[in-house]
Amino acid sequence: MDGAEISRFERFSKVELTNDNDFPVFVRVVYILWDQPDEGETQQAVEVTPVGGLTEVPASGTAVLDVTGEAKAAVERNSGGPAVSIKAYYSQ
């Protein structure tokens, strides 16, 4: 795969998922924009945007998701912002 590892605060067009398990896993990925609460307040998600769909990551392998559509627009809009994250979670 061409490209370089970057921080979540930069614009990106792909997300690489790595599975260290001895069995395949199914995951979904979201790009999250967080608010910036006052001291003592809890941080809340302001915007959650799916990146791709249900993705199988093979045992001891990787999968690459293209960031397109709404996810691409969210990255372009929020990159460089102070509070974003990318989360993968197990799904069916």
PDB file of N, CA and C in Angstrom:
ATOM      1  N   MET A   1       0.840  -1.177   0.000  1.00  0.00           N
ATOM      2  CA  MET A   1       0.000   0.000   0.000  1.00  0.00           C
ATOM      3  C   MET A   1       0.884   1.239   0.000  1.00  0.00           C
ATOM      4  N   ASP A   2       0.580   2.188  -0.855  1.00  0.00           N
ATOM      5  CA  ASP A   2       1.289   3.458  -0.867  1.00  0.00           C
ATOM      6  C   ASP A   2       0.702   4.350   0.208  1.00  0.00           C
ATOM      7  N   GLY A   3       1.495   5.296   0.662  1.00  0.00           N
ATOM      8  CA  GLY A   3       1.006   6.233   1.667  1.00  0.00           C
ATOM      9  C   GLY A   3       1.910   6.233   2.872  1.00  0.00           C
ATOM     10  N   ALA A   4       1.557   7.067   3.812  1.00  0.00           N
ATOM     11  CA  ALA A   4       2.348   7.200   5.025  1.00  0.00           C
ATOM     12  C   ALA A   4       1.426   7.293   6.219  1.00  0.00           C
ATOM     13  N   GLU A   5       1.918   6.878   7.353  1.00  0.00           N
ATOM     14  CA  GLU A   5       1.157   6.999   8.590  1.00  0.00           C
ATOM     15  C   GLU A   5       1.094   8.470   8.979  1.00  0.00           C
ATOM     16  N   ILE A   6      -0.098   8.928   9.327  1.00  0.00           N
ATOM     17  CA  ILE A   6      -0.286  10.319   9.735  1.00  0.00           C
ATOM     18  C   ILE A   6      -1.116  10.347  11.015  1.00  0.00           C
ATOM     19  N   SER A   7      -1.251  11.520  11.585  1.00  0.00           N
ATOM     20  CA  SER A   7      -2.085  11.643  12.773  1.00  0.00           C
ATOM     21  C   SER A   7      -3.544  11.795  12.362  1.00  0.00           C
ATOM     22  N   ARG A   8      -4.440  11.584  13.288  1.00  0.00           N
ATOM     23  CA  ARG A   8      -5.870  11.721  13.012  1.00  0.00           C
ATOM     24  C   ARG A   8      -6.268  13.172  12.756  1.00  0.00           C
ATOM     25  N   PHE A   9      -5.363  14.113  13.042  1.00  0.00           N
ATOM     26  CA  PHE A   9      -5.667  15.536  12.865  1.00  0.00           C
ATOM     27  C   PHE A   9      -5.374  16.028  11.447  1.00  0.00           C
ATOM     28  N   GLU A  10      -4.756  15.183  10.634  1.00  0.00           N
ATOM     29  CA  GLU A  10      -4.445  15.545   9.262  1.00  0.00           C
ATOM     30  C   GLU A  10      -5.511  14.959   8.334  1.00  0.00           C
ATOM     31  N   ARG A  11      -5.604  15.498   7.123  1.00  0.00           N
ATOM     32  CA  ARG A  11      -6.516  14.922   6.138  1.00  0.00           C
ATOM     33  C   ARG A  11      -5.975  13.563   5.715  1.00  0.00           C
ATOM     34  N   PHE A  12      -6.877  12.619   5.568  1.00  0.00           N
ATOM     35  CA  PHE A  12      -6.475  11.282   5.139  1.00  0.00           C
ATOM     36  C   PHE A  12      -7.534  10.726   4.210  1.00  0.00           C
ATOM     37  N   SER A  13      -7.134   9.764   3.390  1.00  0.00           N
ATOM     38  CA  SER A  13      -8.057   9.188   2.415  1.00  0.00           C
ATOM     39  C   SER A  13      -8.237   7.676   2.574  1.00  0.00           C
ATOM     40  N   LYS A  14      -7.483   7.082   3.499  1.00  0.00           N
ATOM     41  CA  LYS A  14      -7.597   5.646   3.753  1.00  0.00           C
ATOM     42  C   LYS A  14      -7.378   5.386   5.243  1.00  0.00           C
ATOM     43  N   VAL A  15      -7.966   4.282   5.719  1.00  0.00           N
ATOM     44  CA  VAL A  15      -7.759   3.820   7.090  1.00  0.00           C
ATOM     45  C   VAL A  15      -7.342   2.362   7.000  1.00  0.00           C
ATOM     46  N   GLU A  16      -6.207   2.029   7.614  1.00  0.00           N
ATOM     47  CA  GLU A  16      -5.748   0.646   7.633  1.00  0.00           C
ATOM     48  C   GLU A  16      -6.114   0.015   8.965  1.00  0.00           C
ATOM     49  N   LEU A  17      -6.730  -1.150   8.900  1.00  0.00           N
ATOM     50  CA  LEU A  17      -7.134  -1.903  10.086  1.00  0.00           C
ATOM     51  C   LEU A  17      -6.248  -3.135  10.203  1.00  0.00           C
ATOM     52  N   THR A  18      -5.769  -3.418  11.398  1.00  0.00           N
ATOM     53  CA  THR A  18      -4.901  -4.567  11.638  1.00  0.00           C
ATOM     54  C   THR A  18      -5.561  -5.493  12.651  1.00  0.00           C
ATOM     55  N   ASN A  19      -5.561  -6.775  12.352  1.00  0.00           N
ATOM     56  CA  ASN A  19      -6.135  -7.784  13.229  1.00  0.00           C
ATOM     57  C   ASN A  19      -5.014  -8.703  13.721  1.00  0.00           C
ATOM     58  N   ASP A  20      -4.717  -8.645  15.012  1.00  0.00           N
ATOM     59  CA  ASP A  20      -3.688  -9.493  15.607  1.00  0.00           C
ATOM     60  C   ASP A  20      -4.229 -10.847  16.064  1.00  0.00           C
ATOM     61  N   ASN A  21      -5.525 -11.059  15.916  1.00  0.00           N
ATOM     62  CA  ASN A  21      -6.145 -12.312  16.361  1.00  0.00           C
ATOM     63  C   ASN A  21      -5.851 -13.445  15.386  1.00  0.00           C
ATOM     64  N   ASP A  22      -6.050 -14.679  15.858  1.00  0.00           N
ATOM     65  CA  ASP A  22      -5.870 -15.865  15.027  1.00  0.00           C
ATOM     66  C   ASP A  22      -7.144 -16.225  14.265  1.00  0.00           C
ATOM     67  N   PHE A  23      -8.110 -15.323  14.257  1.00  0.00           N
ATOM     68  CA  PHE A  23      -9.384 -15.539  13.577  1.00  0.00           C
ATOM     69  C   PHE A  23      -9.832 -14.212  12.959  1.00  0.00           C
ATOM     70  N   PRO A  24     -10.626 -14.263  11.903  1.00  0.00           N
ATOM     71  CA  PRO A  24     -11.089 -13.023  11.285  1.00  0.00           C
ATOM     72  C   PRO A  24     -12.059 -12.286  12.204  1.00  0.00           C
ATOM     73  N   VAL A  25     -12.122 -10.968  12.063  1.00  0.00           N
ATOM     74  CA  VAL A  25     -13.069 -10.156  12.829  1.00  0.00           C
ATOM     75  C   VAL A  25     -13.836  -9.240  11.867  1.00  0.00           C
ATOM     76  N   PHE A  26     -15.029  -8.867  12.275  1.00  0.00           N
ATOM     77  CA  PHE A  26     -15.844  -7.923  11.520  1.00  0.00           C
ATOM     78  C   PHE A  26     -15.950  -6.644  12.328  1.00  0.00           C
ATOM     79  N   VAL A  27     -15.639  -5.538  11.686  1.00  0.00           N
ATOM     80  CA  VAL A  27     -15.634  -4.251  12.388  1.00  0.00           C
ATOM     81  C   VAL A  27     -16.330  -3.179  11.550  1.00  0.00           C
ATOM     82  N   ARG A  28     -16.693  -2.125  12.233  1.00  0.00           N
ATOM     83  CA  ARG A  28     -17.145  -0.890  11.609  1.00  0.00           C
ATOM     84  C   ARG A  28     -16.229   0.214  12.136  1.00  0.00           C
ATOM     85  N   VAL A  29     -16.101   1.289  11.375  1.00  0.00           N
ATOM     86  CA  VAL A  29     -15.222   2.395  11.751  1.00  0.00           C
ATOM     87  C   VAL A  29     -16.022   3.689  11.699  1.00  0.00           C
ATOM     88  N   VAL A  30     -15.789   4.556  12.688  1.00  0.00           N
ATOM     89  CA  VAL A  30     -16.416   5.876  12.693  1.00  0.00           C
ATOM     90  C   VAL A  30     -15.368   6.954  12.940  1.00  0.00           C
ATOM     91  N   TYR A  31     -15.650   8.115  12.375  1.00  0.00           N
ATOM     92  CA  TYR A  31     -14.833   9.314  12.566  1.00  0.00           C
ATOM     93  C   TYR A  31     -15.658  10.214  13.478  1.00  0.00           C
ATOM     94  N   ILE A  32     -15.090  10.600  14.628  1.00  0.00           N
ATOM     95  CA  ILE A  32     -15.842  11.325  15.659  1.00  0.00           C
ATOM     96  C   ILE A  32     -15.274  12.723  15.861  1.00  0.00           C
ATOM     97  N   LEU A  33     -16.168  13.700  15.854  1.00  0.00           N
ATOM     98  CA  LEU A  33     -15.835  15.074  16.235  1.00  0.00           C
ATOM     99  C   LEU A  33     -16.369  15.267  17.649  1.00  0.00           C
ATOM    100  N   TRP A  34     -15.489  15.677  18.567  1.00  0.00           N
ATOM    101  CA  TRP A  34     -15.843  15.867  19.977  1.00  0.00           C
ATOM    102  C   TRP A  34     -15.993  17.349  20.295  1.00  0.00           C
ATOM    103  N   ASP A  35     -16.849  17.661  21.282  1.00  0.00           N
ATOM    104  CA  ASP A  35     -16.945  19.053  21.728  1.00  0.00           C
ATOM    105  C   ASP A  35     -15.759  19.377  22.626  1.00  0.00           C
ATOM    106  N   GLN A  36     -15.665  20.618  23.021  1.00  0.00           N
ATOM    107  CA  GLN A  36     -14.595  21.072  23.911  1.00  0.00           C
ATOM    108  C   GLN A  36     -15.248  21.685  25.148  1.00  0.00           C
ATOM    109  N   PRO A  37     -15.594  20.838  26.118  1.00  0.00           N
ATOM    110  CA  PRO A  37     -16.356  21.311  27.276  1.00  0.00           C
ATOM    111  C   PRO A  37     -15.500  22.151  28.228  1.00  0.00           C
ATOM    112  N   ASP A  38     -16.189  22.880  29.065  1.00  0.00           N
ATOM    113  CA  ASP A  38     -15.526  23.635  30.121  1.00  0.00           C
ATOM    114  C   ASP A  38     -14.911  22.674  31.127  1.00  0.00           C
ATOM    115  N   GLU A  39     -13.943  23.144  31.864  1.00  0.00           N
ATOM    116  CA  GLU A  39     -13.278  22.351  32.906  1.00  0.00           C
ATOM    117  C   GLU A  39     -14.321  21.704  33.814  1.00  0.00           C
ATOM    118  N   GLY A  40     -14.161  20.407  34.048  1.00  0.00           N
ATOM    119  CA  GLY A  40     -15.064  19.673  34.931  1.00  0.00           C
ATOM    120  C   GLY A  40     -16.272  19.072  34.233  1.00  0.00           C
ATOM    121  N   GLU A  41     -16.526  19.450  32.993  1.00  0.00           N
ATOM    122  CA  GLU A  41     -17.638  18.895  32.219  1.00  0.00           C
ATOM    123  C   GLU A  41     -17.132  17.709  31.402  1.00  0.00           C
ATOM    124  N   THR A  42     -18.025  16.777  31.091  1.00  0.00           N
ATOM    125  CA  THR A  42     -17.620  15.621  30.288  1.00  0.00           C
ATOM    126  C   THR A  42     -17.679  15.946  28.803  1.00  0.00           C
ATOM    127  N   GLN A  43     -16.766  15.346  28.075  1.00  0.00           N
ATOM    128  CA  GLN A  43     -16.706  15.548  26.631  1.00  0.00           C
ATOM    129  C   GLN A  43     -17.782  14.700  25.956  1.00  0.00           C
ATOM    130  N   GLN A  44     -18.428  15.278  24.941  1.00  0.00           N
ATOM    131  CA  GLN A  44     -19.495  14.586  24.225  1.00  0.00           C
ATOM    132  C   GLN A  44     -19.195  14.581  22.730  1.00  0.00           C
ATOM    133  N   ALA A  45     -19.653  13.547  22.062  1.00  0.00           N
ATOM    134  CA  ALA A  45     -19.530  13.492  20.610  1.00  0.00           C
ATOM    135  C   ALA A  45     -20.521  14.472  19.995  1.00  0.00           C
ATOM    136  N   VAL A  46     -20.037  15.272  19.060  1.00  0.00           N
ATOM    137  CA  VAL A  46     -20.873  16.243  18.363  1.00  0.00           C
ATOM    138  C   VAL A  46     -21.342  15.659  17.031  1.00  0.00           C
ATOM    139  N   GLU A  47     -20.474  14.893  16.396  1.00  0.00           N
ATOM    140  CA  GLU A  47     -20.769  14.340  15.071  1.00  0.00           C
ATOM    141  C   GLU A  47     -20.063  12.990  14.964  1.00  0.00           C
ATOM    142  N   VAL A  48     -20.790  11.966  14.533  1.00  0.00           N
ATOM    143  CA  VAL A  48     -20.218  10.632  14.331  1.00  0.00           C
ATOM    144  C   VAL A  48     -20.533  10.215  12.896  1.00  0.00           C
ATOM    145  N   THR A  49     -19.484   9.979  12.122  1.00  0.00           N
ATOM    146  CA  THR A  49     -19.649   9.681  10.703  1.00  0.00           C
ATOM    147  C   THR A  49     -19.064   8.307  10.386  1.00  0.00           C
ATOM    148  N   PRO A  50     -19.876   7.385   9.851  1.00  0.00           N
ATOM    149  CA  PRO A  50     -19.343   6.078   9.468  1.00  0.00           C
ATOM    150  C   PRO A  50     -18.298   6.205   8.360  1.00  0.00           C
ATOM    151  N   VAL A  51     -17.277   5.374   8.454  1.00  0.00           N
ATOM    152  CA  VAL A  51     -16.245   5.276   7.415  1.00  0.00           C
ATOM    153  C   VAL A  51     -16.388   3.878   6.822  1.00  0.00           C
ATOM    154  N   GLY A  52     -16.894   3.800   5.592  1.00  0.00           N
ATOM    155  CA  GLY A  52     -17.123   2.496   4.974  1.00  0.00           C
ATOM    156  C   GLY A  52     -18.273   1.782   5.651  1.00  0.00           C
ATOM    157  N   GLY A  53     -18.333   0.492   5.449  1.00  0.00           N
ATOM    158  CA  GLY A  53     -19.390  -0.326   6.034  1.00  0.00           C
ATOM    159  C   GLY A  53     -18.783  -1.441   6.849  1.00  0.00           C
ATOM    160  N   LEU A  54     -19.552  -2.499   7.024  1.00  0.00           N
ATOM    161  CA  LEU A  54     -19.053  -3.656   7.752  1.00  0.00           C
ATOM    162  C   LEU A  54     -17.854  -4.218   6.999  1.00  0.00           C
ATOM    163  N   THR A  55     -16.756  -4.381   7.702  1.00  0.00           N
ATOM    164  CA  THR A  55     -15.497  -4.783   7.075  1.00  0.00           C
ATOM    165  C   THR A  55     -14.935  -6.016   7.768  1.00  0.00           C
ATOM    166  N   GLU A  56     -14.569  -7.014   6.990  1.00  0.00           N
ATOM    167  CA  GLU A  56     -13.891  -8.193   7.535  1.00  0.00           C
ATOM    168  C   GLU A  56     -12.393  -7.947   7.486  1.00  0.00           C
ATOM    169  N   VAL A  57     -11.746  -8.121   8.632  1.00  0.00           N
ATOM    170  CA  VAL A  57     -10.294  -8.037   8.704  1.00  0.00           C
ATOM    171  C   VAL A  57      -9.803  -9.465   8.942  1.00  0.00           C
ATOM    172  N   PRO A  58      -9.022 -10.012   8.011  1.00  0.00           N
ATOM    173  CA  PRO A  58      -8.639 -11.421   8.126  1.00  0.00           C
ATOM    174  C   PRO A  58      -7.738 -11.703   9.336  1.00  0.00           C
ATOM    175  N   ALA A  59      -7.722 -12.956   9.731  1.00  0.00           N
ATOM    176  CA  ALA A  59      -6.865 -13.391  10.838  1.00  0.00           C
ATOM    177  C   ALA A  59      -5.430 -12.976  10.560  1.00  0.00           C
ATOM    178  N   SER A  60      -4.802 -12.371  11.552  1.00  0.00           N
ATOM    179  CA  SER A  60      -3.404 -11.933  11.448  1.00  0.00           C
ATOM    180  C   SER A  60      -3.155 -11.111  10.186  1.00  0.00           C
ATOM    181  N   GLY A  61      -4.145 -10.313   9.788  1.00  0.00           N
ATOM    182  CA  GLY A  61      -4.024  -9.561   8.552  1.00  0.00           C
ATOM    183  C   GLY A  61      -4.491  -8.124   8.671  1.00  0.00           C
ATOM    184  N   THR A  62      -4.636  -7.482   7.521  1.00  0.00           N
ATOM    185  CA  THR A  62      -5.064  -6.090   7.472  1.00  0.00           C
ATOM    186  C   THR A  62      -6.158  -5.913   6.423  1.00  0.00           C
ATOM    187  N   ALA A  63      -6.881  -4.820   6.551  1.00  0.00           N
ATOM    188  CA  ALA A  63      -7.852  -4.388   5.552  1.00  0.00           C
ATOM    189  C   ALA A  63      -7.712  -2.874   5.445  1.00  0.00           C
ATOM    190  N   VAL A  64      -7.960  -2.347   4.273  1.00  0.00           N
ATOM    191  CA  VAL A  64      -7.850  -0.904   4.043  1.00  0.00           C
ATOM    192  C   VAL A  64      -9.207  -0.382   3.595  1.00  0.00           C
ATOM    193  N   LEU A  65      -9.674   0.669   4.278  1.00  0.00           N
ATOM    194  CA  LEU A  65     -10.927   1.326   3.913  1.00  0.00           C
ATOM    195  C   LEU A  65     -10.630   2.634   3.203  1.00  0.00           C
ATOM    196  N   ASP A  66     -11.304   2.874   2.099  1.00  0.00           N
ATOM    197  CA  ASP A  66     -11.237   4.181   1.456  1.00  0.00           C
ATOM    198  C   ASP A  66     -12.180   5.118   2.192  1.00  0.00           C
ATOM    199  N   VAL A  67     -11.747   6.348   2.407  1.00  0.00           N
ATOM    200  CA  VAL A  67     -12.577   7.362   3.053  1.00  0.00           C
ATOM    201  C   VAL A  67     -13.254   8.152   1.943  1.00  0.00           C
ATOM    202  N   THR A  68     -14.561   7.955   1.782  1.00  0.00           N
ATOM    203  CA  THR A  68     -15.304   8.574   0.683  1.00  0.00           C
ATOM    204  C   THR A  68     -16.593   9.201   1.216  1.00  0.00           C
ATOM    205  N   GLY A  69     -17.282   9.899   0.352  1.00  0.00           N
ATOM    206  CA  GLY A  69     -18.610  10.428   0.658  1.00  0.00           C
ATOM    207  C   GLY A  69     -18.638  11.312   1.892  1.00  0.00           C
ATOM    208  N   GLU A  70     -19.599  11.039   2.785  1.00  0.00           N
ATOM    209  CA  GLU A  70     -19.771  11.839   3.996  1.00  0.00           C
ATOM    210  C   GLU A  70     -18.537  11.797   4.893  1.00  0.00           C
ATOM    211  N   ALA A  71     -17.871  10.656   4.952  1.00  0.00           N
ATOM    212  CA  ALA A  71     -16.667  10.554   5.782  1.00  0.00           C
ATOM    213  C   ALA A  71     -15.559  11.453   5.240  1.00  0.00           C
ATOM    214  N   LYS A  72     -15.397  11.481   3.936  1.00  0.00           N
ATOM    215  CA  LYS A  72     -14.381  12.345   3.330  1.00  0.00           C
ATOM    216  C   LYS A  72     -14.689  13.809   3.631  1.00  0.00           C
ATOM    217  N   ALA A  73     -15.959  14.189   3.508  1.00  0.00           N
ATOM    218  CA  ALA A  73     -16.361  15.572   3.797  1.00  0.00           C
ATOM    219  C   ALA A  73     -16.098  15.916   5.273  1.00  0.00           C
ATOM    220  N   ALA A  74     -16.376  14.985   6.182  1.00  0.00           N
ATOM    221  CA  ALA A  74     -16.143  15.228   7.610  1.00  0.00           C
ATOM    222  C   ALA A  74     -14.661  15.416   7.898  1.00  0.00           C
ATOM    223  N   VAL A  75     -13.813  14.587   7.280  1.00  0.00           N
ATOM    224  CA  VAL A  75     -12.364  14.719   7.475  1.00  0.00           C
ATOM    225  C   VAL A  75     -11.886  16.065   6.938  1.00  0.00           C
ATOM    226  N   GLU A  76     -12.358  16.435   5.757  1.00  0.00           N
ATOM    227  CA  GLU A  76     -11.951  17.719   5.176  1.00  0.00           C
ATOM    228  C   GLU A  76     -12.402  18.893   6.052  1.00  0.00           C
ATOM    229  N   ARG A  77     -13.590  18.793   6.589  1.00  0.00           N
ATOM    230  CA  ARG A  77     -14.158  19.865   7.412  1.00  0.00           C
ATOM    231  C   ARG A  77     -13.471  19.980   8.781  1.00  0.00           C
ATOM    232  N   ASN A  78     -13.084  18.855   9.364  1.00  0.00           N
ATOM    233  CA  ASN A  78     -12.618  18.847  10.753  1.00  0.00           C
ATOM    234  C   ASN A  78     -11.135  18.579  10.939  1.00  0.00           C
ATOM    235  N   SER A  79     -10.412  18.233   9.865  1.00  0.00           N
ATOM    236  CA  SER A  79      -8.981  17.976  10.027  1.00  0.00           C
ATOM    237  C   SER A  79      -8.313  19.247  10.538  1.00  0.00           C
ATOM    238  N   GLY A  80      -7.348  19.078  11.373  1.00  0.00           N
ATOM    239  CA  GLY A  80      -6.697  20.232  11.983  1.00  0.00           C
ATOM    240  C   GLY A  80      -7.420  20.698  13.224  1.00  0.00           C
ATOM    241  N   GLY A  81      -8.588  20.114  13.482  1.00  0.00           N
ATOM    242  CA  GLY A  81      -9.351  20.489  14.674  1.00  0.00           C
ATOM    243  C   GLY A  81      -8.754  19.879  15.927  1.00  0.00           C
ATOM    244  N   PRO A  82      -9.139  20.387  17.053  1.00  0.00           N
ATOM    245  CA  PRO A  82      -8.525  19.946  18.308  1.00  0.00           C
ATOM    246  C   PRO A  82      -9.084  18.656  18.884  1.00  0.00           C
ATOM    247  N   ALA A  83     -10.237  18.186  18.399  1.00  0.00           N
ATOM    248  CA  ALA A  83     -10.851  17.051  19.092  1.00  0.00           C
ATOM    249  C   ALA A  83     -11.548  16.117  18.112  1.00  0.00           C
ATOM    250  N   VAL A  84     -10.780  15.234  17.495  1.00  0.00           N
ATOM    251  CA  VAL A  84     -11.335  14.220  16.605  1.00  0.00           C
ATOM    252  C   VAL A  84     -10.711  12.872  16.947  1.00  0.00           C
ATOM    253  N   SER A  85     -11.414  11.807  16.598  1.00  0.00           N
ATOM    254  CA  SER A  85     -10.831  10.478  16.771  1.00  0.00           C
ATOM    255  C   SER A  85     -11.415   9.538  15.732  1.00  0.00           C
ATOM    256  N   ILE A  86     -10.732   8.434  15.543  1.00  0.00           N
ATOM    257  CA  ILE A  86     -11.177   7.375  14.650  1.00  0.00           C
ATOM    258  C   ILE A  86     -11.292   6.128  15.513  1.00  0.00           C
ATOM    259  N   LYS A  87     -12.452   5.506  15.489  1.00  0.00           N
ATOM    260  CA  LYS A  87     -12.680   4.327  16.323  1.00  0.00           C
ATOM    261  C   LYS A  87     -13.174   3.168  15.484  1.00  0.00           C
ATOM    262  N   ALA A  88     -12.587   2.005  15.696  1.00  0.00           N
ATOM    263  CA  ALA A  88     -13.087   0.768  15.107  1.00  0.00           C
ATOM    264  C   ALA A  88     -13.730  -0.029  16.227  1.00  0.00           C
ATOM    265  N   TYR A  89     -14.842  -0.691  15.893  1.00  0.00           N
ATOM    266  CA  TYR A  89     -15.501  -1.509  16.902  1.00  0.00           C
ATOM    267  C   TYR A  89     -16.036  -2.779  16.255  1.00  0.00           C
ATOM    268  N   TYR A  90     -16.049  -3.849  17.043  1.00  0.00           N
ATOM    269  CA  TYR A  90     -16.554  -5.126  16.543  1.00  0.00           C
ATOM    270  C   TYR A  90     -18.027  -4.993  16.224  1.00  0.00           C
ATOM    271  N   SER A  91     -18.478  -5.670  15.146  1.00  0.00           N
ATOM    272  CA  SER A  91     -19.862  -5.565  14.727  1.00  0.00           C
ATOM    273  C   SER A  91     -20.246  -6.820  13.953  1.00  0.00           C
ATOM    274  N   GLN A  92     -21.500  -6.864  13.554  1.00  0.00           N
ATOM    275  CA  GLN A  92     -22.012  -7.952  12.731  1.00  0.00           C
ATOM    276  C   GLN A  92     -22.701  -7.393  11.524  1.00  0.00           C
TER     277      GLN A  92
END
